[in-house]
Every structure is written in C-alpha cells, then in structure tokens.
PDB file of N, CA and C in Angstrom:
ATOM      1  N   LEU A   1       0.821  -1.194   0.000  1.00  0.00           N
ATOM      2  CA  LEU A   1       0.000   0.000   0.000  1.00  0.00           C
ATOM      3  C   LEU A   1       0.862   1.254   0.000  1.00  0.00           C
ATOM      4  N   LYS A   2       1.867   1.271   0.842  1.00  0.00           N
ATOM      5  CA  LYS A   2       2.717   2.449   0.983  1.00  0.00           C
ATOM      6  C   LYS A   2       3.426   2.786  -0.328  1.00  0.00           C
ATOM      7  N   ASP A   3       3.863   1.766  -1.072  1.00  0.00           N
ATOM      8  CA  ASP A   3       4.555   1.988  -2.348  1.00  0.00           C
ATOM      9  C   ASP A   3       3.678   2.695  -3.364  1.00  0.00           C
ATOM     10  N   ASN A   4       2.363   2.523  -3.251  1.00  0.00           N
ATOM     11  CA  ASN A   4       1.423   3.143  -4.186  1.00  0.00           C
ATOM     12  C   ASN A   4       0.777   4.408  -3.628  1.00  0.00           C
ATOM     13  N   GLY A   5       1.240   4.875  -2.478  1.00  0.00           N
ATOM     14  CA  GLY A   5       0.745   6.124  -1.919  1.00  0.00           C
ATOM     15  C   GLY A   5      -0.539   6.004  -1.120  1.00  0.00           C
ATOM     16  N   PHE A   6      -0.907   4.780  -0.727  1.00  0.00           N
ATOM     17  CA  PHE A   6      -2.123   4.584   0.053  1.00  0.00           C
ATOM     18  C   PHE A   6      -1.808   4.580   1.542  1.00  0.00           C
ATOM     19  N   ILE A   7      -2.760   5.044   2.330  1.00  0.00           N
ATOM     20  CA  ILE A   7      -2.642   4.986   3.779  1.00  0.00           C
ATOM     21  C   ILE A   7      -3.547   3.862   4.256  1.00  0.00           C
ATOM     22  N   GLN A   8      -2.995   2.939   5.030  1.00  0.00           N
ATOM     23  CA  GLN A   8      -3.744   1.751   5.434  1.00  0.00           C
ATOM     24  C   GLN A   8      -4.935   2.082   6.316  1.00  0.00           C
ATOM     25  N   SER A   9      -4.776   2.958   7.261  1.00  0.00           N
ATOM     26  CA  SER A   9      -5.855   3.268   8.184  1.00  0.00           C
ATOM     27  C   SER A   9      -5.747   4.716   8.628  1.00  0.00           C
ATOM     28  N   MET A  10      -6.900   5.333   8.851  1.00  0.00           N
ATOM     29  CA  MET A  10      -6.911   6.716   9.295  1.00  0.00           C
ATOM     30  C   MET A  10      -7.284   6.836  10.766  1.00  0.00           C
ATOM     31  N   SER A  11      -7.535   5.717  11.416  1.00  0.00           N
ATOM     32  CA  SER A  11      -7.979   5.801  12.808  1.00  0.00           C
ATOM     33  C   SER A  11      -6.808   6.105  13.734  1.00  0.00           C
ATOM     34  N   ARG A  12      -7.149   6.701  14.851  1.00  0.00           N
ATOM     35  CA  ARG A  12      -6.136   6.991  15.859  1.00  0.00           C
ATOM     36  C   ARG A  12      -5.783   5.714  16.604  1.00  0.00           C
ATOM     37  N   LYS A  13      -4.591   5.647  17.073  1.00  0.00           N
ATOM     38  CA  LYS A  13      -4.130   4.482  17.819  1.00  0.00           C
ATOM     39  C   LYS A  13      -5.032   4.254  19.032  1.00  0.00           C
ATOM     40  N   GLY A  14      -5.519   3.036  19.161  1.00  0.00           N
ATOM     41  CA  GLY A  14      -6.337   2.679  20.308  1.00  0.00           C
ATOM     42  C   GLY A  14      -7.795   3.068  20.207  1.00  0.00           C
ATOM     43  N   ASN A  15      -8.228   3.631  19.065  1.00  0.00           N
ATOM     44  CA  ASN A  15      -9.632   4.031  18.920  1.00  0.00           C
ATOM     45  C   ASN A  15     -10.240   3.293  17.731  1.00  0.00           C
ATOM     46  N   CYS A  16     -10.836   2.155  18.005  1.00  0.00           N
ATOM     47  CA  CYS A  16     -11.374   1.312  16.932  1.00  0.00           C
ATOM     48  C   CYS A  16     -12.642   1.888  16.313  1.00  0.00           C
ATOM     49  N   TYR A  17     -13.226   2.921  16.911  1.00  0.00           N
ATOM     50  CA  TYR A  17     -14.490   3.462  16.413  1.00  0.00           C
ATOM     51  C   TYR A  17     -14.312   4.528  15.338  1.00  0.00           C
ATOM     52  N   ASP A  18     -13.097   4.990  15.090  1.00  0.00           N
ATOM     53  CA  ASP A  18     -12.868   6.025  14.082  1.00  0.00           C
ATOM     54  C   ASP A  18     -13.340   5.594  12.696  1.00  0.00           C
ATOM     55  N   ASN A  19     -13.118   4.348  12.343  1.00  0.00           N
ATOM     56  CA  ASN A  19     -13.474   3.857  11.011  1.00  0.00           C
ATOM     57  C   ASN A  19     -14.802   3.109  10.989  1.00  0.00           C
ATOM     58  N   ALA A  20     -15.523   3.064  12.070  1.00  0.00           N
ATOM     59  CA  ALA A  20     -16.727   2.238  12.171  1.00  0.00           C
ATOM     60  C   ALA A  20     -17.779   2.597  11.131  1.00  0.00           C
ATOM     61  N   VAL A  21     -18.032   3.873  10.912  1.00  0.00           N
ATOM     62  CA  VAL A  21     -19.059   4.286   9.949  1.00  0.00           C
ATOM     63  C   VAL A  21     -18.646   3.898   8.537  1.00  0.00           C
ATOM     64  N   THR A  22     -17.400   4.163   8.183  1.00  0.00           N
ATOM     65  CA  THR A  22     -16.910   3.830   6.846  1.00  0.00           C
ATOM     66  C   THR A  22     -16.925   2.328   6.620  1.00  0.00           C
ATOM     67  N   GLU A  23     -16.441   1.579   7.580  1.00  0.00           N
ATOM     68  CA  GLU A  23     -16.417   0.130   7.433  1.00  0.00           C
ATOM     69  C   GLU A  23     -17.823  -0.447   7.360  1.00  0.00           C
ATOM     70  N   SER A  24     -18.754   0.116   8.098  1.00  0.00           N
ATOM     71  CA  SER A  24     -20.145  -0.314   8.037  1.00  0.00           C
ATOM     72  C   SER A  24     -20.728  -0.067   6.649  1.00  0.00           C
ATOM     73  N   PHE A  25     -20.444   1.112   6.084  1.00  0.00           N
ATOM     74  CA  PHE A  25     -20.941   1.432   4.747  1.00  0.00           C
ATOM     75  C   PHE A  25     -20.397   0.446   3.715  1.00  0.00           C
ATOM     76  N   PHE A  26     -19.077   0.204   3.723  1.00  0.00           N
ATOM     77  CA  PHE A  26     -18.493  -0.696   2.731  1.00  0.00           C
ATOM     78  C   PHE A  26     -18.964  -2.135   2.926  1.00  0.00           C
ATOM     79  N   HIS A  27     -19.213  -2.539   4.150  1.00  0.00           N
ATOM     80  CA  HIS A  27     -19.778  -3.869   4.398  1.00  0.00           C
ATOM     81  C   HIS A  27     -21.163  -3.970   3.751  1.00  0.00           C
ATOM     82  N   THR A  28     -21.992  -2.953   3.968  1.00  0.00           N
ATOM     83  CA  THR A  28     -23.334  -2.930   3.380  1.00  0.00           C
ATOM     84  C   THR A  28     -23.258  -2.919   1.862  1.00  0.00           C
ATOM     85  N   LEU A  29     -22.369  -2.124   1.304  1.00  0.00           N
ATOM     86  CA  LEU A  29     -22.178  -2.065  -0.149  1.00  0.00           C
ATOM     87  C   LEU A  29     -21.835  -3.443  -0.706  1.00  0.00           C
ATOM     88  N   LYS A  30     -20.916  -4.127  -0.062  1.00  0.00           N
ATOM     89  CA  LYS A  30     -20.509  -5.454  -0.532  1.00  0.00           C
ATOM     90  C   LYS A  30     -21.652  -6.455  -0.453  1.00  0.00           C
ATOM     91  N   ILE A  31     -22.385  -6.456   0.649  1.00  0.00           N
ATOM     92  CA  ILE A  31     -23.474  -7.420   0.838  1.00  0.00           C
ATOM     93  C   ILE A  31     -24.638  -7.142  -0.112  1.00  0.00           C
ATOM     94  N   GLU A  32     -25.056  -5.872  -0.215  1.00  0.00           N
ATOM     95  CA  GLU A  32     -26.242  -5.531  -1.000  1.00  0.00           C
ATOM     96  C   GLU A  32     -25.989  -5.473  -2.504  1.00  0.00           C
ATOM     97  N   LEU A  33     -24.756  -5.236  -2.917  1.00  0.00           N
ATOM     98  CA  LEU A  33     -24.524  -5.006  -4.340  1.00  0.00           C
ATOM     99  C   LEU A  33     -23.422  -5.876  -4.919  1.00  0.00           C
ATOM    100  N   VAL A  34     -22.221  -5.701  -4.464  1.00  0.00           N
ATOM    101  CA  VAL A  34     -21.056  -6.287  -5.123  1.00  0.00           C
ATOM    102  C   VAL A  34     -21.111  -7.809  -5.152  1.00  0.00           C
ATOM    103  N   LYS A  35     -21.477  -8.437  -4.051  1.00  0.00           N
ATOM    104  CA  LYS A  35     -21.477  -9.904  -4.010  1.00  0.00           C
ATOM    105  C   LYS A  35     -22.661 -10.518  -4.748  1.00  0.00           C
ATOM    106  N   ARG A  36     -23.649  -9.710  -5.102  1.00  0.00           N
ATOM    107  CA  ARG A  36     -24.818 -10.212  -5.835  1.00  0.00           C
ATOM    108  C   ARG A  36     -24.647 -10.106  -7.345  1.00  0.00           C
ATOM    109  N   GLU A  37     -23.679  -9.343  -7.788  1.00  0.00           N
ATOM    110  CA  GLU A  37     -23.508  -9.055  -9.211  1.00  0.00           C
ATOM    111  C   GLU A  37     -22.274  -9.747  -9.778  1.00  0.00           C
ATOM    112  N   LYS A  38     -22.318 -10.005 -11.066  1.00  0.00           N
ATOM    113  CA  LYS A  38     -21.156 -10.478 -11.820  1.00  0.00           C
ATOM    114  C   LYS A  38     -20.889  -9.430 -12.891  1.00  0.00           C
ATOM    115  N   TYR A  39     -19.890  -8.605 -12.666  1.00  0.00           N
ATOM    116  CA  TYR A  39     -19.584  -7.523 -13.594  1.00  0.00           C
ATOM    117  C   TYR A  39     -18.701  -8.030 -14.727  1.00  0.00           C
ATOM    118  N   LYS A  40     -19.023  -7.598 -15.940  1.00  0.00           N
ATOM    119  CA  LYS A  40     -18.236  -7.993 -17.106  1.00  0.00           C
ATOM    120  C   LYS A  40     -17.014  -7.106 -17.277  1.00  0.00           C
ATOM    121  N   THR A  41     -17.128  -5.848 -16.876  1.00  0.00           N
ATOM    122  CA  THR A  41     -16.020  -4.904 -17.019  1.00  0.00           C
ATOM    123  C   THR A  41     -15.888  -4.058 -15.755  1.00  0.00           C
ATOM    124  N   ARG A  42     -14.739  -3.426 -15.607  1.00  0.00           N
ATOM    125  CA  ARG A  42     -14.546  -2.496 -14.489  1.00  0.00           C
ATOM    126  C   ARG A  42     -15.494  -1.315 -14.604  1.00  0.00           C
ATOM    127  N   GLU A  43     -15.720  -0.861 -15.828  1.00  0.00           N
ATOM    128  CA  GLU A  43     -16.610   0.283 -16.048  1.00  0.00           C
ATOM    129  C   GLU A  43     -18.031  -0.049 -15.599  1.00  0.00           C
ATOM    130  N   GLU A  44     -18.483  -1.244 -15.897  1.00  0.00           N
ATOM    131  CA  GLU A  44     -19.813  -1.679 -15.451  1.00  0.00           C
ATOM    132  C   GLU A  44     -19.892  -1.683 -13.920  1.00  0.00           C
ATOM    133  N   ALA A  45     -18.856  -2.170 -13.267  1.00  0.00           N
ATOM    134  CA  ALA A  45     -18.810  -2.177 -11.801  1.00  0.00           C
ATOM    135  C   ALA A  45     -18.777  -0.753 -11.263  1.00  0.00           C
ATOM    136  N   ARG A  46     -17.974   0.107 -11.877  1.00  0.00           N
ATOM    137  CA  ARG A  46     -17.854   1.495 -11.428  1.00  0.00           C
ATOM    138  C   ARG A  46     -19.193   2.210 -11.492  1.00  0.00           C
ATOM    139  N   ILE A  47     -19.907   2.048 -12.595  1.00  0.00           N
ATOM    140  CA  ILE A  47     -21.211   2.698 -12.766  1.00  0.00           C
ATOM    141  C   ILE A  47     -22.213   2.168 -11.741  1.00  0.00           C
ATOM    142  N   SER A  48     -22.236   0.872 -11.549  1.00  0.00           N
ATOM    143  CA  SER A  48     -23.160   0.259 -10.596  1.00  0.00           C
ATOM    144  C   SER A  48     -22.895   0.749  -9.172  1.00  0.00           C
ATOM    145  N   ILE A  49     -21.635   0.793  -8.790  1.00  0.00           N
ATOM    146  CA  ILE A  49     -21.275   1.247  -7.444  1.00  0.00           C
ATOM    147  C   ILE A  49     -21.574   2.730  -7.280  1.00  0.00           C
ATOM    148  N   PHE A  50     -21.293   3.529  -8.305  1.00  0.00           N
ATOM    149  CA  PHE A  50     -21.598   4.961  -8.251  1.00  0.00           C
ATOM    150  C   PHE A  50     -23.098   5.174  -8.051  1.00  0.00           C
ATOM    151  N   GLU A  51     -23.921   4.460  -8.808  1.00  0.00           N
ATOM    152  CA  GLU A  51     -25.374   4.597  -8.676  1.00  0.00           C
ATOM    153  C   GLU A  51     -25.844   4.170  -7.285  1.00  0.00           C
ATOM    154  N   TYR A  52     -25.263   3.111  -6.742  1.00  0.00           N
ATOM    155  CA  TYR A  52     -25.617   2.659  -5.395  1.00  0.00           C
ATOM    156  C   TYR A  52     -25.314   3.748  -4.372  1.00  0.00           C
ATOM    157  N   ILE A  53     -24.137   4.351  -4.479  1.00  0.00           N
ATOM    158  CA  ILE A  53     -23.744   5.399  -3.530  1.00  0.00           C
ATOM    159  C   ILE A  53     -24.669   6.604  -3.658  1.00  0.00           C
ATOM    160  N   GLU A  54     -25.018   6.990  -4.874  1.00  0.00           N
ATOM    161  CA  GLU A  54     -25.934   8.116  -5.079  1.00  0.00           C
ATOM    162  C   GLU A  54     -27.286   7.843  -4.411  1.00  0.00           C
ATOM    163  N   ILE A  55     -27.819   6.656  -4.606  1.00  0.00           N
ATOM    164  CA  ILE A  55     -29.109   6.293  -4.010  1.00  0.00           C
ATOM    165  C   ILE A  55     -28.987   6.227  -2.492  1.00  0.00           C
ATOM    166  N   PHE A  56     -27.898   5.650  -2.001  1.00  0.00           N
ATOM    167  CA  PHE A  56     -27.677   5.526  -0.560  1.00  0.00           C
ATOM    168  C   PHE A  56     -27.705   6.890   0.111  1.00  0.00           C
ATOM    169  N   TYR A  57     -26.974   7.842  -0.433  1.00  0.00           N
ATOM    170  CA  TYR A  57     -26.912   9.165   0.195  1.00  0.00           C
ATOM    171  C   TYR A  57     -28.177   9.976  -0.031  1.00  0.00           C
ATOM    172  N   ASN A  58     -28.804   9.861  -1.170  1.00  0.00           N
ATOM    173  CA  ASN A  58     -30.054  10.587  -1.405  1.00  0.00           C
ATOM    174  C   ASN A  58     -31.174  10.052  -0.526  1.00  0.00           C
ATOM    175  N   ARG A  59     -31.204   8.750  -0.315  1.00  0.00           N
ATOM    176  CA  ARG A  59     -32.209   8.142   0.559  1.00  0.00           C
ATOM    177  C   ARG A  59     -32.030   8.643   1.985  1.00  0.00           C
ATOM    178  N   ARG A  60     -30.797   8.706   2.454  1.00  0.00           N
ATOM    179  CA  ARG A  60     -30.528   9.195   3.813  1.00  0.00           C
ATOM    180  C   ARG A  60     -30.875  10.669   3.927  1.00  0.00           C
ATOM    181  N   GLY A  61     -30.569  11.445   2.900  1.00  0.00           N
ATOM    182  CA  GLY A  61     -30.857  12.876   2.936  1.00  0.00           C
ATOM    183  C   GLY A  61     -32.339  13.167   2.923  1.00  0.00           C
ATOM    184  N   SER A  62     -33.117  12.378   2.176  1.00  0.00           N
ATOM    185  CA  SER A  62     -34.552  12.626   2.098  1.00  0.00           C
ATOM    186  C   SER A  62     -35.234  12.348   3.435  1.00  0.00           C
ATOM    187  N   VAL A  63     -34.748  11.393   4.184  1.00  0.00           N
ATOM    188  CA  VAL A  63     -35.307  11.095   5.503  1.00  0.00           C
ATOM    189  C   VAL A  63     -35.039  12.261   6.448  1.00  0.00           C
ATOM    190  N   LYS A  64     -33.864  12.842   6.377  1.00  0.00           N
ATOM    191  CA  LYS A  64     -33.510  13.953   7.256  1.00  0.00           C
ATOM    192  C   LYS A  64     -34.376  15.175   6.985  1.00  0.00           C
ATOM    193  N   SER A  65     -34.786  15.361   5.740  1.00  0.00           N
ATOM    194  CA  SER A  65     -35.566  16.553   5.414  1.00  0.00           C
ATOM    195  C   SER A  65     -36.982  16.495   5.987  1.00  0.00           C
ATOM    196  N   PHE A  66     -37.471  15.299   6.328  1.00  0.00           N
ATOM    197  CA  PHE A  66     -38.808  15.166   6.897  1.00  0.00           C
ATOM    198  C   PHE A  66     -38.818  15.390   8.402  1.00  0.00           C
ATOM    199  N   VAL A  67     -37.671  15.371   9.021  1.00  0.00           N
ATOM    200  CA  VAL A  67     -37.590  15.505  10.487  1.00  0.00           C
ATOM    201  C   VAL A  67     -37.668  16.941  10.901  1.00  0.00           C
TER     202      VAL A  67
END
C-alpha cells in the first residue's frame, strides 16, 4: 500500500471506532450489491457502485428533510 501512496488506516491508535461508519458502509455495499452481481467490465462495476452510492446518500438525505 505504501509503495502506491495509500494509507492503510486513518484511525487513531487505540480508537477502533474512528473507522466504524466507513467500514459499516463498505460492508453494506458489498453485501447488497457487489457480491450479488457479476460484472463484465470495471466500467460496469464502477457505474453500478456509483449509482448505489448516489441512491444511498439521497435516501438518507430525504429522511432527514422530513424531520
């Protein structure tokens, strides 16, 4: 990871809850979408994941507007 400029984790030492929201989101993404699909190309996967994220955030935002 380091050779390619990636940072393995952004959480603070000793605080396992820093990444909890992000890890929960990616777990849900994998269960609801990625593991159910067989993508023929990377572009097909990219579009599908992008659409999922758009719906995920718009759905959450619409609920907040009713409160």
